[in-house]
């Protein structure tokens, strides 16, 4: 894939304290690379929210950059995605809370002089 990212698949994950270190390593070493191998995304950035959820769970946000919203929608419908989600749920389903959203139509607004 080439070109500039025009869409982001945002995945927000809240992680139970007892699972955080295992989850962080698994995401970096296995899950995110597996998502990228599906071939739909230009890359990913994982962020750690500097504030925890109200119950003390850590919060992370992963931005998977894509060329378009259509590319993300294709990814969401793919059999590979279903397998990745099943694997995730089996490993961390009760230890995480996940929300997903698709962001498109980016507008950059810089500072004014």
N, C-alpha and C. Protein backbone atom coordinates (compact mmCIF):
# COMPACT_ATOMS: atom_id res chain seq x y z
N UNK A 1 0.84 -1.18 0.00
CA UNK A 1 0.00 0.00 0.00
C UNK A 1 0.88 1.24 0.00
N UNK A 2 0.40 2.23 -0.66
CA UNK A 2 1.12 3.50 -0.66
C UNK A 2 0.13 4.61 -0.39
N UNK A 3 0.66 5.79 -0.29
CA UNK A 3 -0.24 6.92 -0.08
C UNK A 3 -0.34 7.31 1.37
N UNK A 4 -1.08 8.33 1.60
CA UNK A 4 -1.23 8.90 2.93
C UNK A 4 -2.46 8.34 3.62
N UNK A 5 -2.37 8.24 4.91
CA UNK A 5 -3.49 7.75 5.69
C UNK A 5 -4.64 8.75 5.66
N UNK A 6 -5.82 8.27 5.28
CA UNK A 6 -7.03 9.09 5.28
C UNK A 6 -8.08 8.55 6.24
N UNK A 7 -7.69 7.51 6.99
CA UNK A 7 -8.62 6.91 7.94
C UNK A 7 -7.84 6.23 9.06
N UNK A 8 -8.48 6.13 10.19
CA UNK A 8 -7.88 5.47 11.34
C UNK A 8 -8.91 4.53 11.95
N UNK A 9 -8.48 3.31 12.21
CA UNK A 9 -9.27 2.35 12.96
C UNK A 9 -8.78 2.47 14.40
N UNK A 10 -9.61 3.04 15.25
CA UNK A 10 -9.21 3.31 16.64
C UNK A 10 -9.79 2.23 17.54
N UNK A 11 -8.89 1.58 18.28
CA UNK A 11 -9.30 0.55 19.23
C UNK A 11 -8.87 1.02 20.61
N UNK A 12 -9.84 1.20 21.50
CA UNK A 12 -9.56 1.62 22.87
C UNK A 12 -9.74 0.41 23.77
N UNK A 13 -8.72 0.14 24.59
CA UNK A 13 -8.73 -1.04 25.43
C UNK A 13 -8.45 -0.64 26.87
N UNK A 14 -9.30 -1.07 27.77
CA UNK A 14 -9.05 -0.92 29.20
C UNK A 14 -8.62 -2.30 29.69
N UNK A 15 -7.51 -2.32 30.45
CA UNK A 15 -6.87 -3.58 30.85
C UNK A 15 -6.84 -3.69 32.37
N UNK A 16 -7.26 -4.84 32.89
CA UNK A 16 -7.20 -5.11 34.32
C UNK A 16 -5.75 -5.04 34.80
N UNK A 17 -5.50 -4.47 35.96
CA UNK A 17 -4.12 -4.32 36.45
C UNK A 17 -3.32 -5.63 36.46
N UNK A 18 -3.94 -6.72 36.84
CA UNK A 18 -3.22 -7.99 36.93
C UNK A 18 -2.82 -8.56 35.57
N UNK A 19 -3.40 -8.05 34.50
CA UNK A 19 -3.09 -8.56 33.15
C UNK A 19 -2.26 -7.59 32.32
N UNK A 20 -2.03 -6.38 32.80
CA UNK A 20 -1.44 -5.34 31.96
C UNK A 20 -0.08 -5.73 31.38
N UNK A 21 0.86 -6.19 32.18
CA UNK A 21 2.20 -6.47 31.63
C UNK A 21 2.15 -7.59 30.59
N UNK A 22 1.38 -8.63 30.84
CA UNK A 22 1.24 -9.72 29.87
C UNK A 22 0.57 -9.23 28.59
N UNK A 23 -0.48 -8.44 28.76
CA UNK A 23 -1.22 -7.90 27.61
C UNK A 23 -0.33 -6.99 26.75
N UNK A 24 0.43 -6.09 27.39
CA UNK A 24 1.30 -5.16 26.65
C UNK A 24 2.30 -5.94 25.80
N UNK A 25 2.93 -6.94 26.38
CA UNK A 25 3.92 -7.73 25.63
C UNK A 25 3.26 -8.49 24.49
N UNK A 26 2.11 -9.12 24.75
CA UNK A 26 1.43 -9.88 23.71
C UNK A 26 0.98 -8.98 22.57
N UNK A 27 0.46 -7.80 22.90
CA UNK A 27 0.04 -6.86 21.85
C UNK A 27 1.22 -6.48 20.97
N UNK A 28 2.35 -6.13 21.59
CA UNK A 28 3.52 -5.67 20.84
C UNK A 28 4.17 -6.80 20.03
N UNK A 29 4.25 -7.97 20.61
CA UNK A 29 4.98 -9.07 19.97
C UNK A 29 4.12 -9.91 19.04
N UNK A 30 2.81 -9.99 19.31
CA UNK A 30 1.98 -10.92 18.54
C UNK A 30 0.78 -10.28 17.86
N UNK A 31 -0.09 -9.63 18.64
CA UNK A 31 -1.37 -9.21 18.08
C UNK A 31 -1.24 -8.10 17.03
N UNK A 32 -0.60 -7.00 17.38
CA UNK A 32 -0.49 -5.90 16.41
C UNK A 32 0.25 -6.35 15.15
N UNK A 33 1.39 -7.08 15.27
CA UNK A 33 2.02 -7.59 14.04
C UNK A 33 1.09 -8.48 13.21
N UNK A 34 0.26 -9.29 13.88
CA UNK A 34 -0.68 -10.16 13.15
C UNK A 34 -1.72 -9.34 12.41
N UNK A 35 -2.22 -8.28 13.04
CA UNK A 35 -3.18 -7.39 12.38
C UNK A 35 -2.53 -6.76 11.15
N UNK A 36 -1.30 -6.30 11.30
CA UNK A 36 -0.61 -5.65 10.17
C UNK A 36 -0.31 -6.63 9.04
N UNK A 37 -0.09 -7.90 9.36
CA UNK A 37 0.17 -8.90 8.32
C UNK A 37 -1.06 -9.15 7.44
N UNK A 38 -2.24 -8.83 7.93
CA UNK A 38 -3.45 -8.98 7.11
C UNK A 38 -3.32 -8.12 5.85
N UNK A 39 -2.56 -7.04 5.93
CA UNK A 39 -2.24 -6.26 4.74
C UNK A 39 -3.16 -5.10 4.43
N UNK A 40 -3.95 -4.67 5.36
CA UNK A 40 -4.88 -3.56 5.09
C UNK A 40 -4.37 -2.23 5.62
N UNK A 41 -3.48 -2.26 6.61
CA UNK A 41 -3.08 -1.03 7.28
C UNK A 41 -1.68 -0.58 6.90
N UNK A 42 -1.47 0.73 6.96
CA UNK A 42 -0.17 1.32 6.67
C UNK A 42 0.76 1.21 7.87
N UNK A 43 0.20 1.09 9.05
CA UNK A 43 0.98 0.99 10.28
C UNK A 43 0.08 1.21 11.47
N UNK A 44 0.66 1.11 12.66
CA UNK A 44 -0.12 1.27 13.88
C UNK A 44 0.70 2.03 14.92
N UNK A 45 -0.01 2.74 15.77
CA UNK A 45 0.60 3.41 16.92
C UNK A 45 -0.22 3.04 18.14
N UNK A 46 0.48 2.56 19.17
CA UNK A 46 -0.20 2.25 20.43
C UNK A 46 0.13 3.36 21.43
N UNK A 47 -0.91 3.90 22.04
CA UNK A 47 -0.77 4.97 23.03
C UNK A 47 -1.21 4.45 24.38
N UNK A 48 -0.58 4.94 25.44
CA UNK A 48 -1.06 4.65 26.79
C UNK A 48 -1.66 5.93 27.34
N UNK A 49 -2.93 5.85 27.69
CA UNK A 49 -3.61 6.99 28.30
C UNK A 49 -2.95 7.24 29.66
N UNK A 50 -2.66 8.48 29.95
CA UNK A 50 -1.98 8.80 31.19
C UNK A 50 -2.92 8.84 32.39
N UNK A 51 -4.19 8.67 32.14
CA UNK A 51 -5.17 8.54 33.23
C UNK A 51 -5.83 7.17 33.11
N UNK A 52 -6.05 6.55 34.24
CA UNK A 52 -6.70 5.25 34.27
C UNK A 52 -8.22 5.42 34.23
N UNK A 53 -8.89 4.33 33.92
CA UNK A 53 -10.35 4.30 34.02
C UNK A 53 -10.72 4.50 35.49
N UNK A 54 -11.97 4.81 35.75
CA UNK A 54 -12.43 5.10 37.11
C UNK A 54 -12.15 3.95 38.09
N UNK A 55 -12.15 2.72 37.60
CA UNK A 55 -11.91 1.57 38.48
C UNK A 55 -10.44 1.17 38.56
N UNK A 56 -9.55 1.98 38.00
CA UNK A 56 -8.12 1.71 38.09
C UNK A 56 -7.53 0.91 36.95
N UNK A 57 -8.35 0.49 36.02
CA UNK A 57 -7.82 -0.25 34.88
C UNK A 57 -7.02 0.70 33.99
N UNK A 58 -5.92 0.20 33.42
CA UNK A 58 -5.12 0.99 32.48
C UNK A 58 -5.89 1.12 31.17
N UNK A 59 -5.66 2.23 30.48
CA UNK A 59 -6.34 2.45 29.21
C UNK A 59 -5.30 2.67 28.11
N UNK A 60 -5.47 1.96 27.01
CA UNK A 60 -4.60 2.09 25.84
C UNK A 60 -5.47 2.40 24.63
N UNK A 61 -4.87 3.07 23.66
CA UNK A 61 -5.55 3.34 22.39
C UNK A 61 -4.59 2.95 21.28
N UNK A 62 -5.08 2.13 20.34
CA UNK A 62 -4.29 1.75 19.18
C UNK A 62 -4.91 2.41 17.96
N UNK A 63 -4.08 3.12 17.20
CA UNK A 63 -4.51 3.72 15.94
C UNK A 63 -3.89 2.92 14.80
N UNK A 64 -4.73 2.23 14.04
CA UNK A 64 -4.29 1.54 12.84
C UNK A 64 -4.59 2.48 11.67
N UNK A 65 -3.56 2.96 10.99
CA UNK A 65 -3.73 3.91 9.89
C UNK A 65 -4.03 3.16 8.58
N UNK A 66 -4.97 3.71 7.82
CA UNK A 66 -5.36 3.09 6.55
C UNK A 66 -5.52 4.17 5.48
N UNK A 67 -5.51 3.72 4.24
CA UNK A 67 -5.67 4.65 3.12
C UNK A 67 -7.08 5.21 3.04
N UNK A 68 -8.08 4.43 3.51
CA UNK A 68 -9.46 4.90 3.40
C UNK A 68 -10.36 4.17 4.39
N UNK A 69 -11.53 4.72 4.59
CA UNK A 69 -12.54 4.07 5.42
C UNK A 69 -12.92 2.73 4.78
N UNK A 70 -13.00 2.69 3.46
CA UNK A 70 -13.36 1.45 2.77
C UNK A 70 -12.37 0.32 3.08
N UNK A 71 -11.10 0.64 3.18
CA UNK A 71 -10.09 -0.36 3.52
C UNK A 71 -10.36 -0.92 4.91
N UNK A 72 -10.70 -0.06 5.85
CA UNK A 72 -11.00 -0.51 7.21
C UNK A 72 -12.25 -1.38 7.21
N UNK A 73 -13.25 -0.99 6.46
CA UNK A 73 -14.48 -1.79 6.39
C UNK A 73 -14.20 -3.17 5.80
N UNK A 74 -13.32 -3.24 4.82
CA UNK A 74 -12.93 -4.53 4.24
C UNK A 74 -12.23 -5.37 5.30
N UNK A 75 -11.35 -4.76 6.07
CA UNK A 75 -10.66 -5.46 7.15
C UNK A 75 -11.68 -6.01 8.17
N UNK A 76 -12.64 -5.18 8.55
CA UNK A 76 -13.62 -5.59 9.56
C UNK A 76 -14.42 -6.81 9.12
N UNK A 77 -14.64 -6.97 7.82
CA UNK A 77 -15.44 -8.08 7.30
C UNK A 77 -14.62 -9.32 6.95
N UNK A 78 -13.31 -9.24 7.04
CA UNK A 78 -12.46 -10.33 6.57
C UNK A 78 -12.46 -11.51 7.54
N UNK A 79 -12.29 -12.72 7.03
CA UNK A 79 -12.20 -13.91 7.89
C UNK A 79 -11.00 -13.83 8.84
N UNK A 80 -9.91 -13.22 8.38
CA UNK A 80 -8.73 -13.08 9.25
C UNK A 80 -9.06 -12.27 10.49
N UNK A 81 -9.88 -11.24 10.32
CA UNK A 81 -10.26 -10.39 11.45
C UNK A 81 -11.06 -11.18 12.47
N UNK A 82 -11.96 -12.00 12.01
CA UNK A 82 -12.76 -12.83 12.93
C UNK A 82 -11.84 -13.73 13.74
N UNK A 83 -10.85 -14.32 13.10
CA UNK A 83 -9.90 -15.18 13.81
C UNK A 83 -9.08 -14.42 14.83
N UNK A 84 -8.65 -13.22 14.46
CA UNK A 84 -7.88 -12.39 15.40
C UNK A 84 -8.72 -12.01 16.61
N UNK A 85 -9.97 -11.66 16.38
CA UNK A 85 -10.86 -11.30 17.50
C UNK A 85 -11.14 -12.50 18.40
N UNK A 86 -11.34 -13.67 17.79
CA UNK A 86 -11.58 -14.88 18.58
C UNK A 86 -10.38 -15.19 19.46
N UNK A 87 -9.18 -15.08 18.89
CA UNK A 87 -7.96 -15.33 19.66
C UNK A 87 -7.84 -14.32 20.80
N UNK A 88 -8.10 -13.05 20.50
CA UNK A 88 -8.03 -12.01 21.52
C UNK A 88 -9.01 -12.30 22.66
N UNK A 89 -10.24 -12.62 22.31
CA UNK A 89 -11.28 -12.89 23.32
C UNK A 89 -10.90 -14.09 24.19
N UNK A 90 -10.35 -15.12 23.57
CA UNK A 90 -9.95 -16.30 24.34
C UNK A 90 -8.84 -15.97 25.34
N UNK A 91 -7.94 -15.09 24.96
CA UNK A 91 -6.80 -14.76 25.84
C UNK A 91 -7.15 -13.70 26.88
N UNK A 92 -7.85 -12.65 26.46
CA UNK A 92 -8.02 -11.47 27.31
C UNK A 92 -9.46 -10.98 27.44
N UNK A 93 -10.42 -11.77 27.02
CA UNK A 93 -11.81 -11.33 27.00
C UNK A 93 -12.34 -10.84 28.33
N UNK A 94 -11.98 -11.50 29.42
CA UNK A 94 -12.50 -11.10 30.73
C UNK A 94 -11.59 -10.12 31.44
N UNK A 95 -10.44 -9.85 30.85
CA UNK A 95 -9.45 -8.98 31.48
C UNK A 95 -9.33 -7.63 30.78
N UNK A 96 -10.13 -7.44 29.74
CA UNK A 96 -10.10 -6.17 29.00
C UNK A 96 -11.51 -5.77 28.61
N UNK A 97 -11.65 -4.48 28.34
CA UNK A 97 -12.88 -3.92 27.77
C UNK A 97 -12.45 -3.18 26.51
N UNK A 98 -13.11 -3.49 25.40
CA UNK A 98 -12.67 -2.97 24.10
C UNK A 98 -13.79 -2.20 23.43
N UNK A 99 -13.45 -1.03 22.87
CA UNK A 99 -14.36 -0.30 21.98
C UNK A 99 -13.60 0.02 20.71
N UNK A 100 -14.32 0.03 19.60
CA UNK A 100 -13.70 0.27 18.31
C UNK A 100 -14.47 1.37 17.57
N UNK A 101 -13.74 2.17 16.81
CA UNK A 101 -14.40 3.17 15.97
C UNK A 101 -13.56 3.41 14.73
N UNK A 102 -14.21 3.90 13.70
CA UNK A 102 -13.56 4.22 12.43
C UNK A 102 -13.59 5.73 12.26
N UNK A 103 -12.42 6.31 12.09
CA UNK A 103 -12.30 7.76 11.92
C UNK A 103 -11.93 8.07 10.48
N UNK A 104 -12.62 9.02 9.88
CA UNK A 104 -12.33 9.42 8.52
C UNK A 104 -12.47 10.91 8.34
N UNK A 105 -12.28 11.37 7.12
CA UNK A 105 -12.39 12.78 6.76
C UNK A 105 -11.51 13.66 7.65
N UNK A 106 -10.19 13.37 7.68
CA UNK A 106 -9.30 14.15 8.55
C UNK A 106 -9.17 15.59 8.10
N UNK A 107 -9.08 16.45 9.07
CA UNK A 107 -8.83 17.88 8.83
C UNK A 107 -7.75 18.33 9.79
N UNK A 108 -6.66 18.86 9.26
CA UNK A 108 -5.61 19.38 10.12
C UNK A 108 -5.79 20.88 10.22
N UNK A 109 -5.76 21.37 11.46
CA UNK A 109 -5.87 22.81 11.71
C UNK A 109 -4.66 23.20 12.54
N UNK A 110 -3.80 24.00 11.97
CA UNK A 110 -2.59 24.42 12.67
C UNK A 110 -2.80 25.74 13.41
N UNK A 111 -1.80 26.11 14.20
CA UNK A 111 -1.90 27.39 14.91
C UNK A 111 -1.90 28.56 13.93
N UNK A 112 -2.54 29.60 14.34
CA UNK A 112 -2.58 30.81 13.51
C UNK A 112 -1.61 31.84 14.08
N UNK A 113 -0.99 32.57 13.19
CA UNK A 113 -0.01 33.57 13.63
C UNK A 113 -0.68 34.84 14.07
